[in-house]
């Protein structure tokens, strides 16, 4: 069972490696520095896999709508180097956060036990958090389906 931060509570702060958009490989982002802006923090399992690619490309395709309303960050446990390849391959206009030590996925309650073909393993649950300009959790979209993600995020912004 996932234990997400409660609606209205402060979003767990972090400082992490980020690349894409206005960030270069090796740069860091600090969530507290984004106060005053609405932030979409979407967690996904792995770069360049079918569902994750579909989700990222949908956000890319809806960028003109979403970028007016929020700053978007994708978060996975992949390395910054893998993120760079993923961003370039699909021309992603938003930044991706490398959470290799799993600190952010754990803080947001999305590092969970999963089952695939009867095999149990730990992995990132596809979940999105909308963080209000005051730094509190405005909305949580648990177990997001890639095909529905963009519309759900836009509806909440």
N, C-alpha and C. Protein backbone atom coordinates (compact mmCIF):
# COMPACT_ATOMS: atom_id res chain seq x y z
N UNK A 1 0.85 -1.18 0.00
CA UNK A 1 0.00 0.00 0.00
C UNK A 1 0.89 1.24 0.00
N UNK A 2 0.63 2.14 -0.92
CA UNK A 2 1.42 3.36 -1.01
C UNK A 2 0.99 4.35 0.07
N UNK A 3 1.93 5.10 0.56
CA UNK A 3 1.65 6.13 1.55
C UNK A 3 2.13 7.45 0.98
N UNK A 4 1.24 8.12 0.29
CA UNK A 4 1.58 9.40 -0.33
C UNK A 4 1.51 10.52 0.70
N UNK A 5 2.18 11.63 0.43
CA UNK A 5 1.98 12.81 1.27
C UNK A 5 0.50 13.22 1.18
N UNK A 6 -0.06 13.67 2.28
CA UNK A 6 -1.47 14.03 2.33
C UNK A 6 -1.75 15.32 1.55
N UNK A 7 -2.96 15.40 0.98
CA UNK A 7 -3.38 16.62 0.31
C UNK A 7 -3.31 17.77 1.30
N UNK A 8 -2.76 18.89 0.85
CA UNK A 8 -2.63 20.07 1.70
C UNK A 8 -1.38 20.09 2.55
N UNK A 9 -0.66 18.98 2.62
CA UNK A 9 0.58 18.95 3.41
C UNK A 9 1.73 19.46 2.56
N UNK A 10 2.82 19.88 3.19
CA UNK A 10 3.97 20.33 2.42
C UNK A 10 4.53 19.18 1.56
N UNK A 11 4.86 19.49 0.32
CA UNK A 11 5.49 18.50 -0.56
C UNK A 11 6.87 18.19 -0.01
N UNK A 12 7.25 16.91 0.05
CA UNK A 12 8.60 16.58 0.52
C UNK A 12 9.65 17.29 -0.34
N UNK A 13 10.52 18.03 0.32
CA UNK A 13 11.54 18.79 -0.38
C UNK A 13 12.66 17.86 -0.84
N UNK A 14 13.38 18.26 -1.86
CA UNK A 14 14.52 17.48 -2.34
C UNK A 14 15.45 18.37 -3.14
N UNK A 15 16.67 17.93 -3.24
CA UNK A 15 17.66 18.48 -4.16
C UNK A 15 18.15 17.29 -4.96
N UNK A 16 18.11 17.40 -6.30
CA UNK A 16 18.44 16.24 -7.12
C UNK A 16 19.06 16.64 -8.45
N UNK A 17 19.73 15.66 -9.07
CA UNK A 17 20.28 15.85 -10.41
C UNK A 17 19.14 15.95 -11.41
N UNK A 18 19.30 16.88 -12.35
CA UNK A 18 18.24 17.13 -13.32
C UNK A 18 18.89 17.43 -14.67
N UNK A 19 18.18 17.09 -15.73
CA UNK A 19 18.65 17.46 -17.07
C UNK A 19 17.44 17.70 -17.95
N UNK A 20 17.66 18.46 -19.01
CA UNK A 20 16.59 18.80 -19.93
C UNK A 20 16.06 20.19 -19.68
N UNK A 21 15.25 20.68 -20.61
CA UNK A 21 14.69 22.02 -20.60
C UNK A 21 15.82 23.03 -20.44
N UNK A 22 15.89 23.76 -19.33
CA UNK A 22 16.95 24.77 -19.15
C UNK A 22 18.13 24.22 -18.34
N UNK A 23 18.08 22.94 -17.99
CA UNK A 23 19.11 22.33 -17.15
C UNK A 23 20.09 21.53 -18.01
N UNK A 24 21.35 21.59 -17.62
CA UNK A 24 22.38 20.79 -18.27
C UNK A 24 22.70 19.59 -17.40
N UNK A 25 23.23 18.56 -18.00
CA UNK A 25 23.59 17.37 -17.23
C UNK A 25 24.56 17.80 -16.12
N UNK A 26 24.31 17.33 -14.93
CA UNK A 26 25.12 17.73 -13.78
C UNK A 26 24.49 18.83 -12.94
N UNK A 27 23.47 19.50 -13.48
CA UNK A 27 22.76 20.53 -12.71
C UNK A 27 21.90 19.87 -11.65
N UNK A 28 21.53 20.66 -10.65
CA UNK A 28 20.60 20.17 -9.63
C UNK A 28 19.39 21.10 -9.55
N UNK A 29 18.31 20.54 -9.07
CA UNK A 29 17.09 21.31 -8.83
C UNK A 29 16.71 21.11 -7.37
N UNK A 30 16.26 22.18 -6.75
CA UNK A 30 15.83 22.16 -5.36
C UNK A 30 14.35 22.55 -5.37
N UNK A 31 13.49 21.65 -4.91
CA UNK A 31 12.05 21.92 -4.96
C UNK A 31 11.68 23.24 -4.31
N UNK A 32 12.31 23.57 -3.19
CA UNK A 32 11.99 24.81 -2.49
C UNK A 32 12.21 26.05 -3.36
N UNK A 33 13.14 25.96 -4.32
CA UNK A 33 13.41 27.09 -5.22
C UNK A 33 12.28 27.33 -6.22
N UNK A 34 11.34 26.41 -6.31
CA UNK A 34 10.24 26.52 -7.28
C UNK A 34 8.97 27.09 -6.66
N UNK A 35 9.06 27.51 -5.39
CA UNK A 35 7.89 28.11 -4.74
C UNK A 35 7.42 29.29 -5.59
N UNK A 36 6.11 29.48 -5.62
CA UNK A 36 5.53 30.54 -6.43
C UNK A 36 5.06 30.03 -7.79
N UNK A 37 5.42 28.78 -8.11
CA UNK A 37 4.97 28.16 -9.37
C UNK A 37 4.24 26.87 -9.05
N UNK A 38 3.31 26.51 -9.90
CA UNK A 38 2.67 25.20 -9.81
C UNK A 38 3.65 24.20 -10.43
N UNK A 39 3.85 23.07 -9.76
CA UNK A 39 4.79 22.06 -10.23
C UNK A 39 4.06 20.73 -10.43
N UNK A 40 4.28 20.12 -11.58
CA UNK A 40 3.80 18.77 -11.83
C UNK A 40 5.01 17.85 -11.69
N UNK A 41 4.94 16.97 -10.72
CA UNK A 41 6.02 16.02 -10.46
C UNK A 41 5.46 14.64 -10.81
N UNK A 42 5.89 14.11 -11.96
CA UNK A 42 5.35 12.81 -12.34
C UNK A 42 6.42 11.74 -12.26
N UNK A 43 6.08 10.67 -11.54
CA UNK A 43 6.98 9.55 -11.32
C UNK A 43 6.65 8.46 -12.33
N UNK A 44 7.69 7.89 -12.92
CA UNK A 44 7.50 6.84 -13.92
C UNK A 44 8.60 5.80 -13.74
N UNK A 45 8.34 4.55 -14.17
CA UNK A 45 9.29 3.46 -13.91
C UNK A 45 10.64 3.55 -14.61
N UNK A 46 10.68 3.78 -15.93
CA UNK A 46 11.95 3.65 -16.64
C UNK A 46 11.93 4.37 -17.98
N UNK A 47 13.03 5.04 -18.29
CA UNK A 47 13.17 5.72 -19.58
C UNK A 47 13.06 4.73 -20.74
N UNK A 48 12.48 5.22 -21.82
CA UNK A 48 12.47 4.51 -23.11
C UNK A 48 11.80 3.14 -23.07
N UNK A 49 10.79 2.99 -22.23
CA UNK A 49 9.95 1.79 -22.24
C UNK A 49 8.60 2.20 -22.83
N UNK A 50 7.80 1.27 -23.33
CA UNK A 50 6.58 1.65 -24.05
C UNK A 50 5.64 2.59 -23.29
N UNK A 51 5.25 2.23 -22.06
CA UNK A 51 4.32 3.07 -21.30
C UNK A 51 4.91 4.41 -20.92
N UNK A 52 6.16 4.40 -20.52
CA UNK A 52 6.82 5.64 -20.10
C UNK A 52 7.05 6.58 -21.28
N UNK A 53 7.36 6.00 -22.43
CA UNK A 53 7.54 6.81 -23.64
C UNK A 53 6.21 7.42 -24.06
N UNK A 54 5.15 6.63 -24.01
CA UNK A 54 3.81 7.13 -24.37
C UNK A 54 3.41 8.29 -23.45
N UNK A 55 3.67 8.13 -22.16
CA UNK A 55 3.33 9.16 -21.19
C UNK A 55 4.13 10.44 -21.44
N UNK A 56 5.43 10.30 -21.63
CA UNK A 56 6.29 11.47 -21.85
C UNK A 56 5.93 12.18 -23.16
N UNK A 57 5.67 11.41 -24.21
CA UNK A 57 5.34 12.02 -25.50
C UNK A 57 3.98 12.71 -25.48
N UNK A 58 3.05 12.20 -24.69
CA UNK A 58 1.76 12.88 -24.53
C UNK A 58 1.96 14.24 -23.88
N UNK A 59 2.81 14.30 -22.86
CA UNK A 59 3.11 15.58 -22.22
C UNK A 59 3.79 16.52 -23.22
N UNK A 60 4.71 15.98 -24.00
CA UNK A 60 5.39 16.77 -25.04
C UNK A 60 4.36 17.33 -26.02
N UNK A 61 3.44 16.48 -26.46
CA UNK A 61 2.45 16.90 -27.46
C UNK A 61 1.46 17.92 -26.90
N UNK A 62 1.24 17.91 -25.60
CA UNK A 62 0.35 18.88 -24.97
C UNK A 62 1.10 20.03 -24.31
N UNK A 63 2.38 20.17 -24.66
CA UNK A 63 3.24 21.14 -23.99
C UNK A 63 2.73 22.56 -24.07
N UNK A 64 2.17 22.96 -25.19
CA UNK A 64 1.70 24.35 -25.32
C UNK A 64 0.61 24.66 -24.29
N UNK A 65 -0.17 23.66 -23.91
CA UNK A 65 -1.21 23.86 -22.90
C UNK A 65 -0.66 23.78 -21.48
N UNK A 66 0.13 22.75 -21.23
CA UNK A 66 0.58 22.49 -19.86
C UNK A 66 1.65 23.48 -19.40
N UNK A 67 2.53 23.90 -20.30
CA UNK A 67 3.65 24.77 -19.90
C UNK A 67 3.19 26.16 -19.46
N UNK A 68 2.01 26.56 -19.86
CA UNK A 68 1.46 27.86 -19.43
C UNK A 68 0.98 27.81 -17.99
N UNK A 69 0.73 26.60 -17.50
CA UNK A 69 0.12 26.44 -16.19
C UNK A 69 1.04 25.88 -15.12
N UNK A 70 2.13 25.20 -15.53
CA UNK A 70 2.97 24.53 -14.52
C UNK A 70 4.36 24.25 -15.06
N UNK A 71 5.27 24.04 -14.12
CA UNK A 71 6.60 23.53 -14.42
C UNK A 71 6.52 22.02 -14.24
N UNK A 72 7.03 21.28 -15.21
CA UNK A 72 6.90 19.82 -15.20
C UNK A 72 8.26 19.16 -15.02
N UNK A 73 8.29 18.15 -14.14
CA UNK A 73 9.48 17.33 -13.96
C UNK A 73 9.05 15.87 -13.96
N UNK A 74 9.72 15.06 -14.77
CA UNK A 74 9.57 13.62 -14.69
C UNK A 74 10.62 13.10 -13.72
N UNK A 75 10.28 12.08 -12.94
CA UNK A 75 11.23 11.51 -11.97
C UNK A 75 11.28 10.00 -12.14
N UNK A 76 12.48 9.48 -12.32
CA UNK A 76 12.68 8.03 -12.29
C UNK A 76 14.03 7.75 -11.64
N UNK A 77 14.30 6.48 -11.40
CA UNK A 77 15.57 6.12 -10.77
C UNK A 77 16.68 5.94 -11.80
N UNK A 78 16.39 6.23 -13.07
CA UNK A 78 17.42 6.18 -14.12
C UNK A 78 18.46 7.27 -13.89
N UNK A 79 19.63 7.08 -14.47
CA UNK A 79 20.71 8.05 -14.36
C UNK A 79 20.46 9.28 -15.23
N UNK A 80 21.17 10.35 -14.93
CA UNK A 80 21.07 11.58 -15.73
C UNK A 80 21.48 11.30 -17.18
N UNK A 81 22.45 10.43 -17.37
CA UNK A 81 22.91 10.08 -18.72
C UNK A 81 21.79 9.40 -19.51
N UNK A 82 21.05 8.48 -18.88
CA UNK A 82 19.92 7.84 -19.55
C UNK A 82 18.82 8.86 -19.84
N UNK A 83 18.61 9.78 -18.90
CA UNK A 83 17.62 10.83 -19.10
C UNK A 83 17.97 11.68 -20.33
N UNK A 84 19.23 12.04 -20.46
CA UNK A 84 19.67 12.85 -21.61
C UNK A 84 19.33 12.16 -22.92
N UNK A 85 19.60 10.86 -23.02
CA UNK A 85 19.29 10.11 -24.24
C UNK A 85 17.79 10.10 -24.51
N UNK A 86 16.99 9.88 -23.46
CA UNK A 86 15.54 9.83 -23.57
C UNK A 86 14.99 11.18 -24.03
N UNK A 87 15.50 12.25 -23.44
CA UNK A 87 15.06 13.60 -23.81
C UNK A 87 15.38 13.89 -25.27
N UNK A 88 16.59 13.57 -25.69
CA UNK A 88 17.00 13.84 -27.08
C UNK A 88 16.23 12.98 -28.07
N UNK A 89 16.07 11.71 -27.77
CA UNK A 89 15.40 10.78 -28.68
C UNK A 89 13.96 11.21 -28.98
N UNK A 90 13.26 11.75 -27.97
CA UNK A 90 11.85 12.10 -28.13
C UNK A 90 11.59 13.60 -28.08
N UNK A 91 12.64 14.42 -28.11
CA UNK A 91 12.51 15.89 -28.09
C UNK A 91 11.59 16.35 -26.95
N UNK A 92 11.88 15.87 -25.76
CA UNK A 92 11.05 16.23 -24.60
C UNK A 92 11.37 17.65 -24.16
N UNK A 93 10.35 18.50 -23.99
CA UNK A 93 10.58 19.91 -23.65
C UNK A 93 10.66 20.18 -22.15
N UNK A 94 10.58 19.16 -21.32
CA UNK A 94 10.62 19.33 -19.86
C UNK A 94 11.81 18.56 -19.28
N UNK A 95 12.12 18.85 -18.04
CA UNK A 95 13.29 18.26 -17.39
C UNK A 95 12.95 16.94 -16.71
N UNK A 96 13.97 16.08 -16.62
CA UNK A 96 13.85 14.80 -15.93
C UNK A 96 14.83 14.76 -14.76
N UNK A 97 14.34 14.27 -13.64
CA UNK A 97 15.13 14.19 -12.41
C UNK A 97 15.64 12.76 -12.23
N UNK A 98 16.93 12.64 -11.96
CA UNK A 98 17.56 11.34 -11.71
C UNK A 98 17.55 11.08 -10.20
N UNK A 99 16.79 10.07 -9.79
CA UNK A 99 16.66 9.72 -8.37
C UNK A 99 17.33 8.36 -8.13
N UNK A 100 18.60 8.28 -8.47
CA UNK A 100 19.32 7.01 -8.39
C UNK A 100 19.39 6.43 -6.98
N UNK A 101 19.40 7.28 -5.96
CA UNK A 101 19.47 6.77 -4.59
C UNK A 101 18.08 6.50 -4.00
N UNK A 102 17.04 6.73 -4.81
CA UNK A 102 15.65 6.44 -4.45
C UNK A 102 15.12 7.30 -3.29
N UNK A 103 15.76 8.40 -2.99
CA UNK A 103 15.32 9.26 -1.89
C UNK A 103 13.97 9.92 -2.20
N UNK A 104 13.76 10.35 -3.43
CA UNK A 104 12.52 11.06 -3.78
C UNK A 104 11.37 10.07 -3.91
N UNK A 105 11.59 8.93 -4.59
CA UNK A 105 10.50 7.95 -4.72
C UNK A 105 10.05 7.45 -3.34
N UNK A 106 11.00 7.32 -2.42
CA UNK A 106 10.63 6.91 -1.07
C UNK A 106 9.89 8.02 -0.32
N UNK A 107 10.35 9.26 -0.45
CA UNK A 107 9.71 10.38 0.24
C UNK A 107 8.26 10.59 -0.22
N UNK A 108 7.99 10.29 -1.49
CA UNK A 108 6.65 10.46 -2.03
C UNK A 108 5.81 9.18 -1.98
N UNK A 109 6.37 8.09 -1.45
CA UNK A 109 5.62 6.86 -1.27
C UNK A 109 5.33 6.08 -2.53
N UNK A 110 6.16 6.27 -3.57
CA UNK A 110 5.89 5.59 -4.84
C UNK A 110 6.89 4.46 -5.13
N UNK A 111 7.80 4.17 -4.21
CA UNK A 111 8.70 3.01 -4.36
C UNK A 111 7.98 1.86 -3.68
N UNK A 112 7.41 0.97 -4.50
CA UNK A 112 6.49 -0.03 -4.00
C UNK A 112 6.83 -1.43 -4.53
N UNK A 113 6.24 -2.42 -3.88
CA UNK A 113 6.36 -3.79 -4.38
C UNK A 113 5.40 -3.95 -5.54
N UNK A 114 5.91 -4.50 -6.64
CA UNK A 114 5.11 -4.71 -7.84
C UNK A 114 5.19 -6.19 -8.22
N UNK A 115 4.27 -6.62 -9.07
CA UNK A 115 4.27 -7.99 -9.55
C UNK A 115 4.14 -7.99 -11.06
N UNK A 116 4.99 -8.74 -11.73
CA UNK A 116 4.93 -8.88 -13.18
C UNK A 116 5.16 -10.35 -13.51
N UNK A 117 4.20 -10.96 -14.17
CA UNK A 117 4.29 -12.37 -14.53
C UNK A 117 4.60 -13.24 -13.31
N UNK A 118 3.96 -12.92 -12.19
CA UNK A 118 4.13 -13.70 -10.97
C UNK A 118 5.39 -13.41 -10.18
N UNK A 119 6.26 -12.54 -10.71
CA UNK A 119 7.51 -12.21 -10.03
C UNK A 119 7.32 -10.91 -9.26
N UNK A 120 7.68 -10.90 -8.01
CA UNK A 120 7.58 -9.69 -7.20
C UNK A 120 8.92 -8.96 -7.17
N UNK A 121 8.85 -7.65 -7.24
CA UNK A 121 10.05 -6.82 -7.23
C UNK A 121 9.68 -5.42 -6.77
N UNK A 122 10.67 -4.63 -6.44
CA UNK A 122 10.44 -3.24 -6.05
C UNK A 122 10.59 -2.34 -7.27
N UNK A 123 9.70 -1.36 -7.38
CA UNK A 123 9.76 -0.46 -8.52
C UNK A 123 8.97 0.81 -8.26
N UNK A 124 9.05 1.72 -9.22
CA UNK A 124 8.36 3.01 -9.10
C UNK A 124 6.94 2.88 -9.62
N UNK A 125 5.98 3.31 -8.79
CA UNK A 125 4.59 3.35 -9.19
C UNK A 125 4.37 4.62 -10.01
N UNK A 126 3.67 4.47 -11.13
CA UNK A 126 3.40 5.60 -12.01
C UNK A 126 2.36 6.51 -11.33
N UNK A 127 2.83 7.56 -10.69
CA UNK A 127 1.98 8.45 -9.90
C UNK A 127 2.41 9.89 -10.14
N UNK A 128 1.44 10.79 -10.18
CA UNK A 128 1.73 12.21 -10.41
C UNK A 128 1.23 13.04 -9.24
N UNK A 129 2.05 14.02 -8.84
CA UNK A 129 1.69 14.97 -7.79
C UNK A 129 1.63 16.36 -8.39
N UNK A 130 0.57 17.08 -8.09
CA UNK A 130 0.46 18.49 -8.45
C UNK A 130 0.79 19.25 -7.17
N UNK A 131 1.83 20.08 -7.25
CA UNK A 131 2.27 20.86 -6.09
C UNK A 131 1.88 22.31 -6.32
N UNK A 132 1.12 22.86 -5.38
CA UNK A 132 0.63 24.24 -5.48
C UNK A 132 1.79 25.22 -5.33
N UNK A 133 1.58 26.47 -5.77
CA UNK A 133 2.65 27.48 -5.65
C UNK A 133 3.16 27.68 -4.22
N UNK A 134 2.34 27.38 -3.20
CA UNK A 134 2.79 27.52 -1.81
C UNK A 134 3.58 26.31 -1.32
N UNK A 135 3.80 25.32 -2.21
CA UNK A 135 4.62 24.17 -1.85
C UNK A 135 3.85 23.02 -1.21
N UNK A 136 2.52 23.07 -1.24
CA UNK A 136 1.72 21.99 -0.67
C UNK A 136 1.20 21.07 -1.77
N UNK A 137 0.83 19.86 -1.36
CA UNK A 137 0.28 18.88 -2.30
C UNK A 137 -1.15 19.30 -2.64
N UNK A 138 -1.37 19.63 -3.90
CA UNK A 138 -2.70 20.04 -4.37
C UNK A 138 -3.51 18.84 -4.84
N UNK A 139 -2.85 17.87 -5.49
CA UNK A 139 -3.54 16.70 -6.01
C UNK A 139 -2.57 15.54 -6.18
N UNK A 140 -3.11 14.32 -6.11
CA UNK A 140 -2.34 13.11 -6.35
C UNK A 140 -3.11 12.27 -7.37
N UNK A 141 -2.40 11.84 -8.40
CA UNK A 141 -2.97 10.95 -9.41
C UNK A 141 -2.25 9.61 -9.28
N UNK A 142 -2.81 8.66 -8.52
CA UNK A 142 -2.15 7.39 -8.33
C UNK A 142 -2.33 6.44 -9.51
N UNK A 143 -1.34 5.60 -9.74
CA UNK A 143 -1.41 4.55 -10.76
C UNK A 143 -1.95 5.06 -12.09
N UNK A 144 -1.37 6.13 -12.56
CA UNK A 144 -1.79 6.80 -13.80
C UNK A 144 -1.66 5.88 -15.00
N UNK A 145 -2.62 5.95 -15.90
CA UNK A 145 -2.52 5.26 -17.18
C UNK A 145 -1.92 6.25 -18.19
N UNK A 146 -0.87 5.86 -18.91
CA UNK A 146 -0.19 6.78 -19.83
C UNK A 146 -1.13 7.50 -20.81
N UNK A 147 -2.15 6.79 -21.31
CA UNK A 147 -3.07 7.39 -22.28
C UNK A 147 -3.95 8.48 -21.69
N UNK A 148 -4.14 8.46 -20.38
CA UNK A 148 -5.06 9.40 -19.73
C UNK A 148 -4.35 10.51 -18.95
N UNK A 149 -3.04 10.40 -18.83
CA UNK A 149 -2.27 11.27 -17.96
C UNK A 149 -2.41 12.75 -18.29
N UNK A 150 -2.15 13.13 -19.54
CA UNK A 150 -2.18 14.54 -19.91
C UNK A 150 -3.54 15.18 -19.59
N UNK A 151 -4.61 14.53 -19.98
CA UNK A 151 -5.95 15.09 -19.73
C UNK A 151 -6.22 15.25 -18.25
N UNK A 152 -5.79 14.26 -17.44
CA UNK A 152 -6.00 14.36 -16.00
C UNK A 152 -5.22 15.51 -15.40
N UNK A 153 -3.99 15.69 -15.83
CA UNK A 153 -3.16 16.78 -15.30
C UNK A 153 -3.76 18.13 -15.70
N UNK A 154 -4.12 18.29 -16.97
CA UNK A 154 -4.71 19.55 -17.43
C UNK A 154 -6.00 19.87 -16.69
N UNK A 155 -6.80 18.87 -16.40
CA UNK A 155 -8.06 19.09 -15.67
C UNK A 155 -7.80 19.61 -14.27
N UNK A 156 -6.69 19.19 -13.65
CA UNK A 156 -6.38 19.62 -12.28
C UNK A 156 -5.66 20.96 -12.22
N UNK A 157 -5.07 21.37 -13.33
CA UNK A 157 -4.37 22.66 -13.33
C UNK A 157 -5.39 23.73 -13.62
